[in-house]
Amino acid sequence: MKFSVLSLIGHAPHPLTGHLPSAADRFAEVIETGVAAERLGFDAYAVGERHAGPFLSSSPSVVLGALAARTGSIRLLTGVTVVAVLDPVRVAEDFATLDQITRGRIELVVGKGAEAGHFDLFGLDEERQWDLQKEKYELLRRLWTEEGVDWEGEFRPPLKNATTLPRPYAGPPRVWHGSATSLDSPELAAKHGDPLFTANAIQPREAYARLIAHYRERFEAYGHDPAAARVAAGSGGLLIADSSQRAVERYKEVYEAKVAQSFKPHLEGRAGYNTPFRTIEEAVADGPQLIGSPQQIIDKILGYHELYRHDLQSVTVDGFGLPHAEQLETLQRFAEEIAPVVRREAPSTLWDRPAA
C-alpha cells in the first residue's frame, strides 16, 4: 500500500481553547508538513479545496506551487479539485503548469466538493451539481489529451480550435474521482477508466464499500481491465498513542469538542456531512478515524483493505487542532511503526515507476 497525507487547511478556532492561528502561520504549517511527509517517506501529499466554511484551501494550486519549490520527489495531489464550480480551461492551465514545474509529480482528485455553500458563491445551481461535474470534467479531459479542441456544452461558452498551454509534462496527469456519498462519481470514474478515491471519512464502512463495489462493477462493464481499477481511501483523522486507553485519555476531550464544533444542524440527515461517531470510543471501535495504538491502526487499515482492496491510504493529522510539533511526531510514528507493516501485508504496484 502507498500512503498520502491530506490537509484541508482548516482554519477554525481551537475547539477547546478558542485560539485561532493567523492565516500565514497555517499556510507555513501546511508547507512544513509536506516537507516532513517527503522526508518521512510518504508517497504523496494532498491539499484540499474549499470555498465555504472555516478553511483556507480556496487556491490549492498556489499552495502546491509552494510545496513544489520545497520538495523534490513526493507526489502532489489535490483533495479535491472542485471542478464543478471551476472553468476547465483554467484548471487545465494551472495544473499543467504545476505538472511541468514538478516534472510529472502532479495528480488531481476531482469532485463536486463537500461544502454546499460554494455553488451559491460561484452563482451556480446546486441541483445541477452532477451535470456540472460531468460536463466540466469531460472537457478538462479533452483539453489535456487533445489539441485544437472544438467543443460546445451547457455551462460555459463554446471553444473553437482551443489548445491550452502549457501541455502536461509527460501526458495527462492521473485524475482520481473523489467519492463520498453518490454513485455519480464512481460511475464517471468507471466510464473513463479512471481511479476512485473514496472519502472514507465520516460514514460507516459499508457506505463506502457500496460505492467501491459499484465502481468495480461498472469499470469492467465499460470494457476496462478490472485489474486496472485503482482505489484510494481517506480517513477521518490520525491520532496515535501507546494503547487504546492512552488514546482515549489523551484525545477524548479534543475529539469530541471538534465533532461538536463541526456539527452542521442544517445538514442533519444528509449523508456525508455529520459523523455518527460522536464519542471517541465509537470512533475507535467503528469509525473511519485512525485512533489508537499502532497495532489497532494497522488492524483497521488492513480491515479496510480486505473490504476495499485499495492501493492508497490517506491520513490527516491537522484536523483536531493539535500542536504542529505533535502532528509531525504523529506522522513520524506512522511512518516508522505502521506504514512498513501495512506495506508488507498489502503491497501495491501504484506509482512503482518513477514520477519523472
Protein backbone atom coordinates (compact mmCIF):
# COMPACT_ATOMS: atom_id res chain seq x y z
CA MET A 1 0.00 0.00 0.00
CA LYS A 2 1.01 3.59 -0.62
CA PHE A 3 0.41 6.48 1.76
CA SER A 4 -0.63 10.09 1.33
CA VAL A 5 -1.05 12.96 3.78
CA LEU A 6 -4.01 15.31 3.26
CA SER A 7 -4.62 18.82 4.58
CA LEU A 8 -7.86 20.72 4.02
CA ILE A 9 -6.14 23.72 5.63
CA GLY A 10 -8.82 24.07 8.27
CA HIS A 11 -8.95 27.44 10.00
CA ALA A 12 -11.42 27.21 12.85
CA PRO A 13 -10.72 28.28 16.43
CA HIS A 14 -9.26 25.51 18.58
CA PRO A 15 -12.30 23.55 19.84
CA LEU A 16 -11.12 23.78 23.47
CA THR A 17 -9.07 26.97 23.80
CA GLY A 18 -10.59 29.14 21.07
CA HIS A 19 -7.12 30.02 19.78
CA LEU A 20 -7.05 30.87 16.07
CA PRO A 21 -3.64 30.98 14.36
CA SER A 22 -3.02 33.53 11.65
CA ALA A 23 -3.62 32.51 8.06
CA ALA A 24 0.08 32.94 7.34
CA ASP A 25 1.00 30.58 10.16
CA ARG A 26 -1.46 27.94 8.94
CA PHE A 27 0.00 28.04 5.44
CA ALA A 28 3.51 27.74 6.87
CA GLU A 29 2.44 24.66 8.86
CA VAL A 30 0.90 23.03 5.80
CA ILE A 31 4.05 23.54 3.76
CA GLU A 32 6.32 22.31 6.55
CA THR A 33 4.14 19.22 6.94
CA GLY A 34 4.52 18.48 3.24
CA VAL A 35 8.29 18.77 3.51
CA ALA A 36 8.23 16.43 6.53
CA ALA A 37 6.00 13.95 4.69
CA GLU A 38 8.58 13.69 1.92
CA ARG A 39 11.43 13.26 4.42
CA LEU A 40 9.50 10.52 6.24
CA GLY A 41 8.89 8.53 3.07
CA PHE A 42 5.21 9.19 2.39
CA ASP A 43 4.32 8.71 -1.26
CA ALA A 44 2.11 11.77 -1.72
CA TYR A 45 0.90 14.98 -0.11
CA ALA A 46 -2.53 16.40 -0.92
CA VAL A 47 -4.12 19.81 -0.43
CA GLY A 48 -7.89 20.16 -0.40
CA GLU A 49 -10.09 22.79 -1.98
CA ARG A 50 -12.91 24.50 -0.11
CA HIS A 51 -14.72 27.74 -0.95
CA ALA A 52 -17.02 27.82 2.06
CA GLY A 53 -16.67 27.12 5.75
CA PRO A 54 -13.63 27.62 8.02
CA PHE A 55 -10.91 26.67 5.54
CA LEU A 56 -8.03 28.42 3.77
CA SER A 57 -7.83 25.99 0.85
CA SER A 58 -9.52 28.07 -1.84
CA SER A 59 -6.36 28.13 -4.01
CA PRO A 60 -4.72 24.71 -3.85
CA SER A 61 -2.68 25.29 -6.99
CA VAL A 62 -0.88 28.17 -5.25
CA VAL A 63 -0.15 26.08 -2.15
CA LEU A 64 1.03 23.16 -4.28
CA GLY A 65 3.32 25.58 -6.13
CA ALA A 66 4.94 26.49 -2.82
CA LEU A 67 5.26 22.80 -1.99
CA ALA A 68 6.76 22.09 -5.39
CA ALA A 69 9.55 24.54 -4.58
CA ARG A 70 10.29 22.85 -1.23
CA THR A 71 10.10 19.19 -2.31
CA GLY A 72 11.73 17.05 -4.94
CA SER A 73 10.19 13.59 -5.12
CA ILE A 74 6.86 13.33 -3.30
CA ARG A 75 3.76 13.36 -5.48
CA LEU A 76 1.50 16.37 -5.03
CA LEU A 77 -2.26 15.82 -5.18
CA THR A 78 -5.41 17.83 -4.78
CA GLY A 79 -8.10 16.65 -2.46
CA VAL A 80 -10.36 17.55 -4.18
CA THR A 81 -10.31 19.92 -7.14
CA VAL A 82 -13.90 21.19 -7.17
CA VAL A 83 -14.17 21.02 -10.93
CA ALA A 84 -17.95 21.50 -10.79
CA VAL A 85 -17.52 25.20 -9.89
CA LEU A 86 -14.38 25.92 -11.92
CA ASP A 87 -13.52 26.73 -15.52
CA PRO A 88 -11.91 23.62 -17.04
CA VAL A 89 -9.64 25.80 -19.20
CA ARG A 90 -8.20 27.43 -16.06
CA VAL A 91 -7.85 24.05 -14.34
CA ALA A 92 -6.04 22.62 -17.38
CA GLU A 93 -3.62 25.56 -17.49
CA ASP A 94 -2.92 25.77 -13.75
CA PHE A 95 -2.22 22.11 -13.16
CA ALA A 96 -0.33 21.53 -16.41
CA THR A 97 1.93 24.38 -15.28
CA LEU A 98 2.46 22.64 -11.94
CA ASP A 99 2.99 19.36 -13.75
CA GLN A 100 5.79 20.93 -15.77
CA ILE A 101 7.37 22.61 -12.74
CA THR A 102 7.37 19.32 -10.79
CA ARG A 103 8.32 17.22 -13.84
CA GLY A 104 5.30 14.98 -13.55
CA ARG A 105 4.57 14.88 -9.81
CA ILE A 106 1.03 16.32 -10.02
CA GLU A 107 -2.18 14.28 -9.81
CA LEU A 108 -5.74 15.56 -9.39
CA VAL A 109 -8.58 14.25 -7.31
CA VAL A 110 -11.73 15.82 -8.75
CA GLY A 111 -15.09 16.08 -7.04
CA LYS A 112 -18.11 18.28 -6.55
CA GLY A 113 -16.91 19.23 -3.07
CA ALA A 114 -18.14 18.68 0.47
CA GLU A 115 -19.33 22.21 1.25
CA ALA A 116 -22.78 23.04 -0.10
CA GLY A 117 -22.15 26.80 0.03
CA HIS A 118 -19.69 27.04 -2.82
CA PHE A 119 -22.31 26.69 -5.54
CA ASP A 120 -24.03 29.90 -4.43
CA LEU A 121 -20.65 31.63 -4.20
CA PHE A 122 -19.99 30.91 -7.87
CA GLY A 123 -23.56 31.63 -8.95
CA LEU A 124 -24.31 28.01 -9.81
CA ASP A 125 -27.31 25.82 -9.14
CA GLU A 126 -26.51 23.12 -6.59
CA GLU A 127 -29.31 21.00 -8.05
CA ARG A 128 -27.21 20.71 -11.24
CA GLN A 129 -24.00 19.74 -9.45
CA TRP A 130 -23.58 16.37 -11.11
CA ASP A 131 -24.34 17.77 -14.57
CA LEU A 132 -21.74 20.47 -13.92
CA GLN A 133 -19.25 17.89 -12.70
CA LYS A 134 -19.66 15.57 -15.67
CA GLU A 135 -19.51 18.24 -18.38
CA LYS A 136 -16.57 20.11 -16.89
CA TYR A 137 -14.52 17.01 -16.17
CA GLU A 138 -15.03 15.67 -19.68
CA LEU A 139 -13.91 19.00 -21.15
CA LEU A 140 -10.83 19.01 -18.90
CA ARG A 141 -10.04 15.51 -20.10
CA ARG A 142 -10.19 16.60 -23.74
CA LEU A 143 -8.08 19.70 -23.10
CA TRP A 144 -5.30 17.52 -21.68
CA THR A 145 -5.45 14.80 -24.33
CA GLU A 146 -6.17 16.82 -27.49
CA GLU A 147 -5.03 19.97 -29.27
CA GLY A 148 -7.24 22.18 -31.43
CA VAL A 149 -10.35 21.27 -29.41
CA ASP A 150 -13.76 22.18 -30.80
CA TRP A 151 -16.33 21.95 -28.02
CA GLU A 152 -19.80 23.14 -27.12
CA GLY A 153 -21.68 22.50 -23.88
CA GLU A 154 -24.23 23.91 -21.48
CA PHE A 155 -22.21 25.61 -18.76
CA ARG A 156 -19.54 27.71 -20.49
CA PRO A 157 -19.03 29.39 -23.89
CA PRO A 158 -18.04 27.16 -26.82
CA LEU A 159 -14.41 26.55 -27.75
CA LYS A 160 -13.04 26.62 -31.27
CA ASN A 161 -9.63 25.16 -32.11
CA ALA A 162 -8.52 25.56 -28.48
CA THR A 163 -5.16 24.31 -27.24
CA THR A 164 -4.31 25.02 -23.62
CA LEU A 165 -0.73 25.81 -22.69
CA PRO A 166 1.47 24.55 -21.29
CA ARG A 167 0.82 20.98 -22.22
CA PRO A 168 1.22 18.45 -19.38
CA TYR A 169 4.74 17.24 -18.69
CA ALA A 170 4.50 13.65 -19.96
CA GLY A 171 0.91 13.09 -20.93
CA PRO A 172 -2.17 13.91 -18.88
CA PRO A 173 -1.73 13.70 -15.11
CA ARG A 174 -3.65 10.91 -13.43
CA VAL A 175 -7.10 12.06 -12.32
CA TRP A 176 -8.84 10.33 -9.41
CA HIS A 177 -12.54 10.83 -8.75
CA GLY A 178 -13.43 11.72 -5.18
CA SER A 179 -16.43 9.77 -3.93
CA ALA A 180 -18.26 10.31 -0.64
CA THR A 181 -22.00 9.64 -0.92
CA SER A 182 -23.22 9.37 -4.50
CA LEU A 183 -22.87 6.75 -7.23
CA ASP A 184 -22.29 9.55 -9.79
CA SER A 185 -18.54 9.87 -9.15
CA PRO A 186 -17.88 6.11 -9.24
CA GLU A 187 -19.88 5.94 -12.47
CA LEU A 188 -17.91 8.77 -14.09
CA ALA A 189 -14.60 7.26 -12.97
CA ALA A 190 -15.57 3.84 -14.30
CA LYS A 191 -16.72 5.24 -17.63
CA HIS A 192 -13.33 6.78 -18.32
CA GLY A 193 -11.20 4.06 -16.73
CA ASP A 194 -10.02 6.44 -14.01
CA PRO A 195 -9.19 5.58 -10.38
CA LEU A 196 -11.58 6.18 -7.48
CA PHE A 197 -10.73 8.00 -4.24
CA THR A 198 -13.31 7.21 -1.59
CA ALA A 199 -13.62 9.72 1.26
CA ASN A 200 -13.89 7.04 3.97
CA ALA A 201 -14.09 9.89 6.46
CA ILE A 202 -17.48 10.12 8.18
CA GLN A 203 -19.86 7.27 7.36
CA PRO A 204 -19.68 3.59 8.34
CA ARG A 205 -17.50 1.49 6.07
CA GLU A 206 -20.49 -0.24 4.44
CA ALA A 207 -21.50 3.03 2.77
CA TYR A 208 -18.11 3.40 1.11
CA ALA A 209 -17.90 -0.29 0.25
CA ARG A 210 -21.12 0.14 -1.73
CA LEU A 211 -19.58 2.95 -3.80
CA ILE A 212 -16.41 0.96 -4.44
CA ALA A 213 -18.35 -2.15 -5.45
CA HIS A 214 -20.38 -0.09 -7.92
CA TYR A 215 -17.16 1.38 -9.33
CA ARG A 216 -15.53 -2.00 -9.86
CA GLU A 217 -18.66 -3.47 -11.43
CA ARG A 218 -19.12 -0.54 -13.83
CA PHE A 219 -15.37 -0.32 -14.59
CA GLU A 220 -15.50 -3.82 -16.05
CA ALA A 221 -18.88 -3.21 -17.71
CA TYR A 222 -17.38 -0.28 -19.63
CA GLY A 223 -14.80 -2.67 -21.07
CA HIS A 224 -11.80 -1.83 -18.89
CA ASP A 225 -9.49 -4.48 -17.45
CA PRO A 226 -10.71 -4.96 -13.86
CA ALA A 227 -7.08 -5.40 -12.76
CA ALA A 228 -6.51 -1.76 -13.73
CA ALA A 229 -9.14 -0.40 -11.31
CA ARG A 230 -7.34 1.62 -8.64
CA VAL A 231 -8.93 2.69 -5.35
CA ALA A 232 -7.75 5.06 -2.64
CA ALA A 233 -9.32 5.65 0.77
CA GLY A 234 -9.27 8.57 3.15
CA SER A 235 -9.64 8.55 6.91
CA GLY A 236 -11.29 10.74 9.48
CA GLY A 237 -8.08 11.74 11.22
CA LEU A 238 -4.96 10.10 12.68
CA LEU A 239 -4.24 10.05 16.42
CA ILE A 240 -1.63 7.61 17.77
CA ALA A 241 -0.98 6.62 21.38
CA ASP A 242 0.74 3.69 23.05
CA SER A 243 -2.57 1.99 23.82
CA SER A 244 -6.28 2.38 23.23
CA GLN A 245 -6.70 3.55 26.83
CA ARG A 246 -3.99 6.20 26.40
CA ALA A 247 -5.59 7.35 23.15
CA VAL A 248 -8.94 7.86 24.83
CA GLU A 249 -7.32 9.65 27.77
CA ARG A 250 -5.23 11.93 25.55
CA TYR A 251 -7.69 12.75 22.79
CA LYS A 252 -11.24 12.28 24.10
CA GLU A 253 -11.86 15.89 25.03
CA VAL A 254 -10.42 17.42 21.88
CA TYR A 255 -12.00 14.81 19.57
CA GLU A 256 -15.50 15.25 20.97
CA ALA A 257 -15.19 19.03 21.11
CA LYS A 258 -14.16 19.05 17.44
CA VAL A 259 -17.11 16.86 16.49
CA ALA A 260 -19.45 19.27 18.29
CA GLN A 261 -17.78 22.30 16.71
CA SER A 262 -18.08 20.96 13.17
CA PHE A 263 -21.66 19.68 13.53
CA LYS A 264 -23.92 21.14 10.83
CA PRO A 265 -27.51 21.13 12.12
CA HIS A 266 -28.92 22.41 8.82
CA LEU A 267 -27.47 19.33 7.09
CA GLU A 268 -28.57 16.81 9.70
CA GLY A 269 -29.81 13.70 7.91
CA ARG A 270 -27.78 14.30 4.74
CA ALA A 271 -25.13 11.64 4.36
CA GLY A 272 -21.53 12.73 4.45
CA TYR A 273 -21.80 15.95 6.45
CA ASN A 274 -22.04 14.93 10.12
CA THR A 275 -20.25 11.98 11.65
CA PRO A 276 -22.39 9.46 13.54
CA PHE A 277 -19.31 8.63 15.66
CA ARG A 278 -19.78 11.37 18.25
CA THR A 279 -17.66 9.85 21.04
CA ILE A 280 -14.05 8.83 20.74
CA GLU A 281 -14.92 5.31 21.90
CA GLU A 282 -17.32 4.99 18.94
CA ALA A 283 -14.69 6.36 16.59
CA VAL A 284 -12.03 3.94 17.81
CA ALA A 285 -14.36 0.95 17.59
CA ASP A 286 -16.28 1.58 14.37
CA GLY A 287 -15.38 4.90 12.76
CA PRO A 288 -13.01 5.51 9.84
CA GLN A 289 -10.80 7.56 12.15
CA LEU A 290 -7.39 6.02 12.75
CA ILE A 291 -7.20 6.40 16.52
CA GLY A 292 -5.43 4.13 18.98
CA SER A 293 -2.25 2.13 19.31
CA PRO A 294 -0.09 1.40 16.25
CA GLN A 295 -1.40 -2.18 16.16
CA GLN A 296 -5.03 -1.01 16.33
CA ILE A 297 -4.42 1.34 13.41
CA ILE A 298 -2.64 -1.38 11.41
CA ASP A 299 -5.58 -3.71 12.01
CA LYS A 300 -8.11 -1.07 10.98
CA ILE A 301 -6.30 -0.19 7.73
CA LEU A 302 -5.91 -3.86 6.84
CA GLY A 303 -9.57 -4.40 7.66
CA TYR A 304 -10.49 -1.66 5.23
CA HIS A 305 -8.12 -3.14 2.66
CA GLU A 306 -9.84 -6.52 2.94
CA LEU A 307 -13.11 -4.81 2.04
CA TYR A 308 -11.93 -2.06 -0.33
CA ARG A 309 -8.79 -3.63 -1.88
CA HIS A 310 -7.37 -0.12 -2.02
CA ASP A 311 -3.89 0.87 -3.20
CA LEU A 312 -3.55 4.19 -1.39
CA GLN A 313 -4.37 5.20 2.18
CA SER A 314 -4.68 8.89 3.02
CA VAL A 315 -4.16 10.23 6.55
CA THR A 316 -4.79 13.63 8.12
CA VAL A 317 -3.07 14.99 11.21
CA ASP A 318 -4.17 18.64 11.32
CA GLY A 319 -7.90 18.20 11.77
CA PHE A 320 -8.17 18.34 15.57
CA GLY A 321 -6.09 21.38 16.45
CA LEU A 322 -3.13 19.52 17.93
CA PRO A 323 0.14 21.45 18.17
CA HIS A 324 2.11 21.31 14.94
CA ALA A 325 5.03 19.56 16.61
CA GLU A 326 2.69 16.80 17.78
CA GLN A 327 1.29 16.48 14.26
CA LEU A 328 4.79 15.88 12.92
CA GLU A 329 5.52 13.37 15.69
CA THR A 330 2.33 11.54 14.73
CA LEU A 331 3.44 11.33 11.10
CA GLN A 332 6.82 10.03 12.20
CA ARG A 333 5.26 7.31 14.34
CA PHE A 334 3.00 6.34 11.45
CA ALA A 335 5.95 6.19 9.05
CA GLU A 336 8.10 4.12 11.42
CA GLU A 337 5.62 1.86 13.22
CA ILE A 338 2.59 1.46 10.95
CA ALA A 339 3.43 2.05 7.29
CA PRO A 340 6.12 -0.67 6.97
CA VAL A 341 3.77 -3.35 8.31
CA VAL A 342 0.88 -2.34 6.05
CA ARG A 343 3.16 -2.05 3.01
CA ARG A 344 4.34 -5.60 3.63
CA GLU A 345 0.89 -7.06 4.29
CA ALA A 346 -0.91 -5.17 1.49
CA PRO A 347 1.61 -4.44 -1.30
CA SER A 348 0.60 -2.23 -4.23
CA THR A 349 2.17 -1.53 -7.61
CA LEU A 350 0.72 2.01 -7.71
CA TRP A 351 3.47 4.52 -8.56
CA ASP A 352 6.12 1.84 -8.90
CA ARG A 353 7.56 3.73 -11.88
CA PRO A 354 9.31 7.00 -11.05
CA ALA A 355 7.21 10.15 -11.40
CA ALA A 356 9.87 11.83 -13.53
